Each structure stands twice: as C-alpha cells, then as structure tokens.
C-alpha atoms as a PDB file:
ATOM      1  CA  MET A   1      85.377  65.904  92.268  1.00  0.00           C
ATOM      2  CA  PRO A   2      83.991  62.408  91.441  1.00  0.00           C
ATOM      3  CA  PHE A   3      80.394  63.636  91.622  1.00  0.00           C
ATOM      4  CA  LEU A   4      80.857  66.442  89.097  1.00  0.00           C
ATOM      5  CA  LYS A   5      82.983  64.414  86.888  1.00  0.00           C
ATOM      6  CA  GLY A   6      80.251  61.653  86.700  1.00  0.00           C
ATOM      7  CA  LEU A   7      77.587  64.109  86.083  1.00  0.00           C
ATOM      8  CA  PHE A   8      79.649  65.933  83.425  1.00  0.00           C
ATOM      9  CA  LYS A   9      80.183  62.546  81.542  1.00  0.00           C
ATOM     10  CA  PHE A  10      76.420  61.567  81.919  1.00  0.00           C
ATOM     11  CA  ALA A  11      75.401  65.038  80.631  1.00  0.00           C
ATOM     12  CA  ARG A  12      77.332  64.535  77.386  1.00  0.00           C
ATOM     13  CA  LYS A  13      75.841  61.051  76.887  1.00  0.00           C
ATOM     14  CA  ALA A  14      72.202  61.702  77.893  1.00  0.00           C
ATOM     15  CA  THR A  15      71.594  65.052  76.249  1.00  0.00           C
ATOM     16  CA  GLY A  16      71.814  66.361  72.778  1.00  0.00           C
ATOM     17  CA  GLY A  17      71.857  69.594  70.736  1.00  0.00           C
ATOM     18  CA  ALA A  18      72.458  73.094  71.996  1.00  0.00           C
ATOM     19  CA  ASP A  19      71.095  72.544  75.464  1.00  0.00           C
ATOM     20  CA  SER A  20      73.370  69.621  75.924  1.00  0.00           C
ATOM     21  CA  GLY A  21      76.395  71.831  75.073  1.00  0.00           C
ATOM     22  CA  LYS A  22      75.156  74.437  77.505  1.00  0.00           C
ATOM     23  CA  ALA A  23      74.655  71.897  80.279  1.00  0.00           C
ATOM     24  CA  ALA A  24      78.118  70.323  79.705  1.00  0.00           C
ATOM     25  CA  ARG A  25      79.831  73.745  79.812  1.00  0.00           C
ATOM     26  CA  LEU A  26      77.895  74.541  82.993  1.00  0.00           C
ATOM     27  CA  PHE A  27      79.037  71.197  84.704  1.00  0.00           C
ATOM     28  CA  LYS A  28      82.594  71.735  83.563  1.00  0.00           C
ATOM     29  CA  ASP A  29      82.660  75.409  84.877  1.00  0.00           C
ATOM     30  CA  THR A  30      80.945  74.203  88.141  1.00  0.00           C
ATOM     31  CA  GLU A  31      83.720  71.660  88.690  1.00  0.00           C
ATOM     32  CA  ALA A  32      86.483  74.283  88.116  1.00  0.00           C
ATOM     33  CA  ALA A  33      84.793  76.884  90.368  1.00  0.00           C
ATOM     34  CA  HIS A  34      84.152  74.362  93.039  1.00  0.00           C
ATOM     35  CA  HIS A  35      87.892  73.354  92.989  1.00  0.00           C
ATOM     36  CA  ASP A  36      89.093  76.913  93.085  1.00  0.00           C
ATOM     37  CA  PHE A  37      86.606  78.026  95.853  1.00  0.00           C
ATOM     38  CA  VAL A  38      87.506  75.242  98.203  1.00  0.00           C
ATOM     39  CA  ARG A  39      91.158  75.784  97.627  1.00  0.00           C
ATOM     40  CA  ASP A  40      90.930  79.439  98.590  1.00  0.00           C
ATOM     41  CA  ALA A  41      88.688  78.742 101.488  1.00  0.00           C
ATOM     42  CA  LYS A  42      91.182  76.213 102.842  1.00  0.00           C
ATOM     43  CA  ALA A  43      93.987  78.819 102.452  1.00  0.00           C
ATOM     44  CA  LEU A  44      92.042  81.129 104.759  1.00  0.00           C
ATOM     45  CA  GLY A  45      91.092  78.459 107.308  1.00  0.00           C
ATOM     46  CA  ILE A  46      87.377  78.729 106.439  1.00  0.00           C
ATOM     47  CA  THR A  47      85.480  75.430 106.824  1.00  0.00           C
ATOM     48  CA  LEU A  48      83.152  74.251 104.143  1.00  0.00           C
ATOM     49  CA  SER A  49      81.491  71.167 105.727  1.00  0.00           C
ATOM     50  CA  ASP A  50      77.902  70.346 105.022  1.00  0.00           C
ATOM     51  CA  ILE A  51      77.755  72.522 102.089  1.00  0.00           C
ATOM     52  CA  ASN A  52      74.856  70.547 100.620  1.00  0.00           C
ATOM     53  CA  LEU A  53      72.833  70.527 103.819  1.00  0.00           C
ATOM     54  CA  LYS A  54      69.474  71.920 102.593  1.00  0.00           C
ATOM     55  CA  ASN A  55      67.876  74.809 104.401  1.00  0.00           C
ATOM     56  CA  TYR A  56      64.407  73.535 105.187  1.00  0.00           C
ATOM     57  CA  TYR A  57      63.336  76.983 106.462  1.00  0.00           C
ATOM     58  CA  ASP A  58      64.086  78.476 102.993  1.00  0.00           C
ATOM     59  CA  ILE A  59      62.257  75.694 101.229  1.00  0.00           C
ATOM     60  CA  LEU A  60      59.128  76.524 103.227  1.00  0.00           C
ATOM     61  CA  GLU A  61      59.827  80.191 102.723  1.00  0.00           C
ATOM     62  CA  MET A  62      59.975  81.114 106.378  1.00  0.00           C
ATOM     63  CA  LYS A  63      62.422  82.220 109.024  1.00  0.00           C
ATOM     64  CA  TYR A  64      63.752  80.002 111.946  1.00  0.00           C
ATOM     65  CA  THR A  65      60.974  79.145 114.376  1.00  0.00           C
ATOM     66  CA  ASN A  66      59.921  76.645 116.825  1.00  0.00           C
ATOM     67  CA  ASP A  67      56.207  77.442 116.335  1.00  0.00           C
ATOM     68  CA  ARG A  68      54.657  74.258 114.771  1.00  0.00           C
ATOM     69  CA  LYS A  69      51.596  76.240 113.758  1.00  0.00           C
ATOM     70  CA  LEU A  70      53.657  78.608 111.609  1.00  0.00           C
ATOM     71  CA  VAL A  71      55.484  75.630 110.074  1.00  0.00           C
ATOM     72  CA  ARG A  72      52.064  74.146 109.122  1.00  0.00           C
ATOM     73  CA  ALA A  73      50.688  77.279 107.826  1.00  0.00           C
ATOM     74  CA  SER A  74      53.745  77.809 105.457  1.00  0.00           C
ATOM     75  CA  TYR A  75      53.475  74.232 104.283  1.00  0.00           C
ATOM     76  CA  VAL A  76      49.665  74.494 103.433  1.00  0.00           C
ATOM     77  CA  LYS A  77      50.248  77.789 101.649  1.00  0.00           C
ATOM     78  CA  LEU A  78      53.073  76.281  99.463  1.00  0.00           C
ATOM     79  CA  ALA A  79      50.968  73.070  98.893  1.00  0.00           C
ATOM     80  CA  LYS A  80      48.173  75.054  97.515  1.00  0.00           C
ATOM     81  CA  LYS A  81      50.578  76.680  95.120  1.00  0.00           C
ATOM     82  CA  TYR A  82      52.849  73.851  93.917  1.00  0.00           C
ATOM     83  CA  HIS A  83      50.817  70.562  94.367  1.00  0.00           C
ATOM     84  CA  PRO A  84      50.795  68.812  90.895  1.00  0.00           C
ATOM     85  CA  ASP A  85      46.975  68.456  91.054  1.00  0.00           C
ATOM     86  CA  VAL A  86      46.358  72.192  91.044  1.00  0.00           C
ATOM     87  CA  SER A  87      49.641  73.837  90.017  1.00  0.00           C
ATOM     88  CA  GLY A  88      50.656  74.892  86.589  1.00  0.00           C
ATOM     89  CA  TYR A  89      54.236  75.165  87.649  1.00  0.00           C
ATOM     90  CA  ALA A  90      56.426  73.113  85.088  1.00  0.00           C
ATOM     91  CA  ASN A  91      58.186  71.141  87.742  1.00  0.00           C
ATOM     92  CA  ALA A  92      55.529  71.108  90.424  1.00  0.00           C
ATOM     93  CA  GLY A  93      56.267  67.450  91.254  1.00  0.00           C
ATOM     94  CA  GLN A  94      59.830  68.014  92.144  1.00  0.00           C
ATOM     95  CA  LYS A  95      59.122  71.260  93.936  1.00  0.00           C
ATOM     96  CA  MET A  96      56.304  69.544  96.020  1.00  0.00           C
ATOM     97  CA  ALA A  97      58.689  66.732  96.911  1.00  0.00           C
ATOM     98  CA  GLU A  98      61.175  69.304  98.441  1.00  0.00           C
ATOM     99  CA  ILE A  99      58.361  70.989 100.407  1.00  0.00           C
ATOM    100  CA  ASN A 100      57.139  67.654 101.734  1.00  0.00           C
ATOM    101  CA  GLY A 101      60.671  66.757 102.812  1.00  0.00           C
ATOM    102  CA  ALA A 102      61.130  69.986 104.695  1.00  0.00           C
ATOM    103  CA  TYR A 103      57.853  69.647 106.376  1.00  0.00           C
ATOM    104  CA  GLU A 104      58.461  66.060 107.509  1.00  0.00           C
ATOM    105  CA  VAL A 105      61.443  67.190 109.301  1.00  0.00           C
ATOM    106  CA  LEU A 106      60.394  70.537 110.689  1.00  0.00           C
ATOM    107  CA  SER A 107      56.809  69.234 111.877  1.00  0.00           C
ATOM    108  CA  ASP A 108      58.627  66.475 113.927  1.00  0.00           C
ATOM    109  CA  PRO A 109      60.042  67.966 117.220  1.00  0.00           C
ATOM    110  CA  ARG A 110      62.769  65.261 117.519  1.00  0.00           C
ATOM    111  CA  ARG A 111      63.901  65.469 113.874  1.00  0.00           C
ATOM    112  CA  LYS A 112      63.640  69.204 113.975  1.00  0.00           C
ATOM    113  CA  ALA A 113      65.893  69.440 116.981  1.00  0.00           C
ATOM    114  CA  GLU A 114      68.543  67.109 115.301  1.00  0.00           C
ATOM    115  CA  TYR A 115      68.317  69.098 112.056  1.00  0.00           C
ATOM    116  CA  ASP A 116      68.627  72.544 113.797  1.00  0.00           C
ATOM    117  CA  GLN A 117      71.677  71.270 115.800  1.00  0.00           C
ATOM    118  CA  LYS A 118      73.406  69.937 112.580  1.00  0.00           C
ATOM    119  CA  PHE A 119      72.401  72.828 110.360  1.00  0.00           C
ATOM    120  CA  SER A 120      73.575  75.272 112.892  1.00  0.00           C
ATOM    121  CA  LYS A 121      76.916  73.392 113.292  1.00  0.00           C
ATOM    122  CA  GLY A 122      77.372  73.083 109.547  1.00  0.00           C
ATOM    123  CA  ARG A 123      76.786  76.812 108.968  1.00  0.00           C
ATOM    124  CA  ASN A 124      79.339  77.795 111.575  1.00  0.00           C
ATOM    125  CA  ARG A 125      82.045  78.437 108.894  1.00  0.00           C
ATOM    126  CA  MET A 126      83.257  81.644 110.544  1.00  0.00           C
ATOM    127  CA  GLY A 127      83.502  80.709 114.143  1.00  0.00           C
ATOM    128  CA  PRO A 128      85.415  82.951 116.771  1.00  0.00           C
ATOM    129  CA  ASP A 129      88.703  80.926 116.274  1.00  0.00           C
ATOM    130  CA  VAL A 130      88.799  81.625 112.514  1.00  0.00           C
ATOM    131  CA  THR A 131      87.682  85.103 112.807  1.00  0.00           C
ATOM    132  CA  THR A 132      90.292  86.015 115.286  1.00  0.00           C
ATOM    133  CA  LEU A 133      93.078  84.306 113.184  1.00  0.00           C
ATOM    134  CA  LEU A 134      91.916  86.399 110.156  1.00  0.00           C
ATOM    135  CA  HIS A 135      91.667  89.543 112.032  1.00  0.00           C
ATOM    136  CA  ASP A 136      95.261  89.097 113.388  1.00  0.00           C
ATOM    137  CA  GLU A 137      96.553  88.198 110.044  1.00  0.00           C
ATOM    138  CA  LEU A 138      94.971  91.147 108.298  1.00  0.00           C
ATOM    139  CA  MET A 139      96.191  93.619 111.051  1.00  0.00           C
ATOM    140  CA  ARG A 140      99.767  92.123 110.724  1.00  0.00           C
ATOM    141  CA  ARG A 141      99.730  92.543 107.000  1.00  0.00           C
ATOM    142  CA  TYR A 142      98.386  96.084 107.133  1.00  0.00           C
ATOM    143  CA  VAL A 143     101.104  97.208 109.781  1.00  0.00           C
ATOM    144  CA  GLU A 144     103.794  95.627 107.699  1.00  0.00           C
ATOM    145  CA  ALA A 145     102.526  97.509 104.481  1.00  0.00           C
ATOM    146  CA  ARG A 146     102.042 100.837 106.402  1.00  0.00           C
ATOM    147  CA  ASN A 147     105.624 100.479 107.853  1.00  0.00           C
ATOM    148  CA  ARG A 148     107.098 100.033 104.393  1.00  0.00           C
ATOM    149  CA  ASP A 149     105.136 103.181 103.243  1.00  0.00           C
ATOM    150  CA  PHE A 150     106.493 105.303 106.076  1.00  0.00           C
ATOM    151  CA  GLU A 151     109.997 104.094 105.280  1.00  0.00           C
ATOM    152  CA  GLU A 152     109.715 105.080 101.735  1.00  0.00           C
ATOM    153  CA  PHE A 153     108.298 108.363 102.897  1.00  0.00           C
ATOM    154  CA  ASN A 154     111.242 109.156 105.170  1.00  0.00           C
ATOM    155  CA  ASN A 155     113.709 108.362 102.338  1.00  0.00           C
ATOM    156  CA  ARG A 156     111.786 110.693  99.979  1.00  0.00           C
ATOM    157  CA  VAL A 157     111.714 113.662 102.390  1.00  0.00           C
ATOM    158  CA  ALA A 158     115.318 113.145 103.720  1.00  0.00           C
ATOM    159  CA  MET A 159     116.743 115.090 100.858  1.00  0.00           C
ATOM    160  CA  PRO A 160     116.135 118.980 100.406  1.00  0.00           C
ATOM    161  CA  GLN A 161     113.164 119.664  98.184  1.00  0.00           C
ATOM    162  CA  GLN A 162     110.317 122.011  97.521  1.00  0.00           C
ATOM    163  CA  ILE A 163     107.609 122.240 100.176  1.00  0.00           C
ATOM    164  CA  ASP A 164     104.994 121.239  97.613  1.00  0.00           C
ATOM    165  CA  SER A 165     106.790 117.902  96.987  1.00  0.00           C
ATOM    166  CA  ILE A 166     106.876 117.251 100.768  1.00  0.00           C
ATOM    167  CA  ARG A 167     103.190 118.012 101.014  1.00  0.00           C
ATOM    168  CA  ALA A 168     102.497 115.529  98.145  1.00  0.00           C
ATOM    169  CA  ALA A 169     104.508 112.828  99.673  1.00  0.00           C
ATOM    170  CA  ILE A 170     102.553 113.288 102.897  1.00  0.00           C
ATOM    171  CA  GLU A 171      99.162 113.041 101.076  1.00  0.00           C
ATOM    172  CA  GLU A 172     100.327 109.846  99.358  1.00  0.00           C
ATOM    173  CA  THR A 173     101.566 108.291 102.648  1.00  0.00           C
ATOM    174  CA  VAL A 174      98.568 109.226 104.819  1.00  0.00           C
ATOM    175  CA  ASN A 175      96.097 107.829 102.201  1.00  0.00           C
ATOM    176  CA  TRP A 176      95.679 104.789 104.557  1.00  0.00           C
ATOM    177  CA  THR A 177      92.382 103.609 103.185  1.00  0.00           C
ATOM    178  CA  LYS A 178      94.078 102.998  99.808  1.00  0.00           C
ATOM    179  CA  CYS A 179      96.827 101.004 101.590  1.00  0.00           C
ATOM    180  CA  PHE A 180      94.231  99.019 103.622  1.00  0.00           C
ATOM    181  CA  THR A 181      92.109  98.237 100.542  1.00  0.00           C
ATOM    182  CA  ARG A 182      95.188  96.942  98.793  1.00  0.00           C
ATOM    183  CA  VAL A 183      96.142  94.633 101.647  1.00  0.00           C
ATOM    184  CA  SER A 184      92.576  93.404 102.248  1.00  0.00           C
ATOM    185  CA  ASP A 185      92.276  92.578  98.611  1.00  0.00           C
ATOM    186  CA  ASP A 186      95.420  90.698  98.601  1.00  0.00           C
ATOM    187  CA  MET A 187      94.360  88.662 101.523  1.00  0.00           C
ATOM    188  CA  PHE A 188      90.550  88.125 100.641  1.00  0.00           C
ATOM    189  CA  GLY A 189      90.063  89.230  96.986  1.00  0.00           C
ATOM    190  CA  SER A 190      90.665  85.786  95.343  1.00  0.00           C
ATOM    191  CA  PHE A 191      88.236  84.023  97.621  1.00  0.00           C
ATOM    192  CA  LEU A 192      85.592  86.740  97.201  1.00  0.00           C
ATOM    193  CA  ARG A 193      85.894  86.767  93.396  1.00  0.00           C
ATOM    194  CA  ARG A 194      85.651  82.807  93.445  1.00  0.00           C
ATOM    195  CA  GLY A 195      82.434  83.101  95.547  1.00  0.00           C
ATOM    196  CA  LYS A 196      80.893  85.683  93.253  1.00  0.00           C
ATOM    197  CA  ARG A 197      81.648  83.337  90.306  1.00  0.00           C
ATOM    198  CA  ILE A 198      79.736  80.584  92.207  1.00  0.00           C
ATOM    199  CA  VAL A 199      76.763  82.774  92.704  1.00  0.00           C
ATOM    200  CA  ARG A 200      76.794  83.616  88.914  1.00  0.00           C
ATOM    201  CA  LEU A 201      76.854  79.981  88.023  1.00  0.00           C
ATOM    202  CA  ARG A 202      74.117  79.231  90.495  1.00  0.00           C
ATOM    203  CA  ASN A 203      71.963  81.856  88.780  1.00  0.00           C
ATOM    204  CA  ILE A 204      72.577  80.502  85.440  1.00  0.00           C
ATOM    205  CA  ASN A 205      71.847  77.034  86.597  1.00  0.00           C
ATOM    206  CA  ALA A 206      68.534  78.086  88.145  1.00  0.00           C
ATOM    207  CA  ARG A 207      67.400  79.518  84.833  1.00  0.00           C
ATOM    208  CA  MET A 208      68.367  76.412  82.966  1.00  0.00           C
ATOM    209  CA  VAL A 209      66.416  74.347  85.545  1.00  0.00           C
ATOM    210  CA  LYS A 210      63.280  76.430  85.024  1.00  0.00           C
ATOM    211  CA  ASN A 211      63.586  76.058  81.149  1.00  0.00           C
ATOM    212  CA  ALA A 212      64.642  72.425  81.113  1.00  0.00           C
ATOM    213  CA  SER A 213      62.652  70.595  78.412  1.00  0.00           C
ATOM    214  CA  SER A 214      63.127  67.007  79.285  1.00  0.00           C
ATOM    215  CA  ALA A 215      63.339  64.906  82.531  1.00  0.00           C
ATOM    216  CA  PRO A 216      67.097  63.903  82.127  1.00  0.00           C
ATOM    217  CA  ASP A 217      67.863  67.526  81.580  1.00  0.00           C
ATOM    218  CA  TYR A 218      65.975  68.681  84.655  1.00  0.00           C
ATOM    219  CA  ASP A 219      67.294  65.907  86.923  1.00  0.00           C
ATOM    220  CA  MET A 220      70.965  66.588  86.134  1.00  0.00           C
ATOM    221  CA  LEU A 221      70.546  70.295  86.192  1.00  0.00           C
ATOM    222  CA  ALA A 222      68.585  70.221  89.576  1.00  0.00           C
ATOM    223  CA  GLU A 223      71.317  68.109  91.092  1.00  0.00           C
ATOM    224  CA  ASN A 224      73.895  70.550  89.890  1.00  0.00           C
ATOM    225  CA  LEU A 225      71.862  73.411  91.183  1.00  0.00           C
ATOM    226  CA  SER A 226      71.794  71.746  94.641  1.00  0.00           C
ATOM    227  CA  ARG A 227      75.527  71.683  94.761  1.00  0.00           C
ATOM    228  CA  LEU A 228      75.882  75.262  93.593  1.00  0.00           C
ATOM    229  CA  GLU A 229      73.284  76.364  96.157  1.00  0.00           C
ATOM    230  CA  GLY A 230      75.249  74.810  98.917  1.00  0.00           C
ATOM    231  CA  LEU A 231      78.421  76.542  97.791  1.00  0.00           C
ATOM    232  CA  ALA A 232      76.640  79.850  97.354  1.00  0.00           C
ATOM    233  CA  GLN A 233      75.257  79.643 100.764  1.00  0.00           C
ATOM    234  CA  ALA A 234      78.692  78.829 102.235  1.00  0.00           C
ATOM    235  CA  PHE A 235      80.049  81.842 100.404  1.00  0.00           C
ATOM    236  CA  LYS A 236      77.250  84.040 101.718  1.00  0.00           C
ATOM    237  CA  GLU A 237      78.120  83.103 105.238  1.00  0.00           C
ATOM    238  CA  ALA A 238      81.801  83.402 104.889  1.00  0.00           C
ATOM    239  CA  GLU A 239      81.611  86.742 103.039  1.00  0.00           C
ATOM    240  CA  SER A 240      79.584  88.132 105.945  1.00  0.00           C
ATOM    241  CA  GLY A 241      82.293  87.009 108.324  1.00  0.00           C
ATOM    242  CA  ILE A 242      85.076  88.452 106.202  1.00  0.00           C
ATOM    243  CA  ASN A 243      83.361  91.801 105.881  1.00  0.00           C
ATOM    244  CA  SER A 244      82.949  91.878 109.699  1.00  0.00           C
ATOM    245  CA  VAL A 245      86.799  91.238 109.979  1.00  0.00           C
ATOM    246  CA  ILE A 246      87.676  93.941 107.502  1.00  0.00           C
ATOM    247  CA  LYS A 247      85.347  96.390 109.201  1.00  0.00           C
ATOM    248  CA  GLY A 248      86.664  95.487 112.657  1.00  0.00           C
ATOM    249  CA  VAL A 249      90.353  96.135 111.596  1.00  0.00           C
ATOM    250  CA  MET A 250      89.313  99.290 109.878  1.00  0.00           C
ATOM    251  CA  ASP A 251      87.636 100.626 112.920  1.00  0.00           C
ATOM    252  CA  GLU A 252      90.604  99.817 115.048  1.00  0.00           C
ATOM    253  CA  VAL A 253      93.205 101.677 113.003  1.00  0.00           C
ATOM    254  CA  SER A 254      91.056 104.555 111.600  1.00  0.00           C
ATOM    255  CA  THR A 255      91.479 106.755 114.712  1.00  0.00           C
ATOM    256  CA  GLU A 256      95.186 106.191 114.947  1.00  0.00           C
ATOM    257  CA  GLU A 257      95.797 106.878 111.256  1.00  0.00           C
ATOM    258  CA  ALA A 258      93.735 110.046 111.486  1.00  0.00           C
ATOM    259  CA  ASN A 259      95.927 111.355 114.195  1.00  0.00           C
ATOM    260  CA  ILE A 260      99.108 110.380 112.303  1.00  0.00           C
ATOM    261  CA  ALA A 261      97.820 112.239 109.193  1.00  0.00           C
ATOM    262  CA  TYR A 262      97.038 115.284 111.334  1.00  0.00           C
ATOM    263  CA  ARG A 263     100.430 115.316 112.864  1.00  0.00           C
ATOM    264  CA  LEU A 264     102.223 114.919 109.571  1.00  0.00           C
ATOM    265  CA  ARG A 265     100.294 117.608 107.821  1.00  0.00           C
ATOM    266  CA  ASN A 266     101.023 120.096 110.616  1.00  0.00           C
ATOM    267  CA  SER A 267     104.716 119.210 110.792  1.00  0.00           C
ATOM    268  CA  ILE A 268     105.654 121.179 107.742  1.00  0.00           C
ATOM    269  CA  ILE A 269     105.832 124.996 107.339  1.00  0.00           C
ATOM    270  CA  GLN A 270     102.504 126.393 106.249  1.00  0.00           C
END
C-alpha cells in the first residue's frame, strides 16, 4: 500500500514524542488491517471499489434527498456550528471545508446526479450475483457438513448400545444450529473479524484526530482516518449483505431440520 507506507514514513519523520509513537503504530496497524481485509474480501468475491468516496449526506448530517431546501437547511445549520469565525471547535476550519465541499456538490443538480450515480455504484459491494454465489456456497458447505454428521451418527448407532446413548447421539446430531454456526464462521468469520478490527482502528484514529495538538499530526491523522472510514463503510455494507445471506440459508433449512429432528427423536423406543 504505497499511500500508507509513505504516510507511515512521514509520521516518523514529522512527529516526535509519545504522540508520534502512537501515530506510527496506528499507521502500521492500518496498513496490516487494510491488507488483511482486502485479501479476505477478495476471497469471498466482495468488491471494495471506491472505498474512499466520501458520503456527502453523512457530512451534512442528513439522509438521501432530492430536496434542495433540505440540503440548504442542513448546510446553514452546520455552518452556524462549525464556521471558524463563530465556532470553538478545535478543527473548525477543516470541518467547515468538508461541509462546503459536500454542499457544493449536493446543491448543484448536475453534480449531485453524477455523484449519486457514482456513490450508488461504488457502494454496491453485495450485488445480486455476489449474494447468490455466497448463498449457494454456504448452503453447499452446510449440506456437506450435515452429511458428515449423519454418517457419523449412523456409524455410532449401528452397534448395540443403551437407549440413553442413542438418545444422546440423536441430540448431538440434530443440533443443526451448532453445525450451521460452525460452517458459517468458517466461511465468513475471518472477514467479519477483520472488519471489526478496521472499525476499532477507525474509532481510535477519530479520537486521535480530536486530540491532535499540531497541524502535521492533524493532517496525517485526518488522512488516515479518511482511509479507515472508507474501509469501515465498506465493511458495514458487506456485513449487512453477509448477515442477509446467513439468515436466508438458515430460513431455508430450519423447517427441514426441525422435521428431521422430530422423526429421529420419535424413531426410538420411548
């Protein structure tokens, strides 16, 4: 990651003391987390394009709208709060520059239309094709795991044994949610853990930006925060898609699994 390597080197050169050490560790951790996150996303087929495309609606603290009056109202409200001439906010100038940039785009119908199209496309990281592939793969892995469980069950109960042992074997086999959790964690767990690490680093970076004591510190940390916010947003959207896939497969198999459990429990002598 040339961007982060350059930022990391500049941080060590431009800052000093304890704050410099914290910033340097943050940049190093960000580089590693970014690499791992992108690798796991690629393995799942999840697109991470346009991760640094800023959400102008978030900056103006509003939801998507085509109402120019609402955009103007949000801008005026934030300008009264963050304009350097009236605000006591430590980095009011930087904040106001972001607000002005967002307003310039969203207040212009042509630029807003171009932005909305690009932003929507960039956020579509869990489109129908990816969702279908992940759904089918999760279902395949689950069925494969359940078949192995039933094969082991048949081997266990093939030999004469006490009825209580058979009941125990049945209960272990029909605990399909445990099996499903194991399979889904094997498929998605690494990516989800990487994403949560990104979110933790984003939160740490945000606190460091707020407490930055010098312009070089602030500029570097703000740039790193922008990268982490893009990754965190990508993770949030991908996580939502993954949760939908998991729930969809669970809903599909739950009724069948309940029927299997019922038949097995009633197949032994009471």
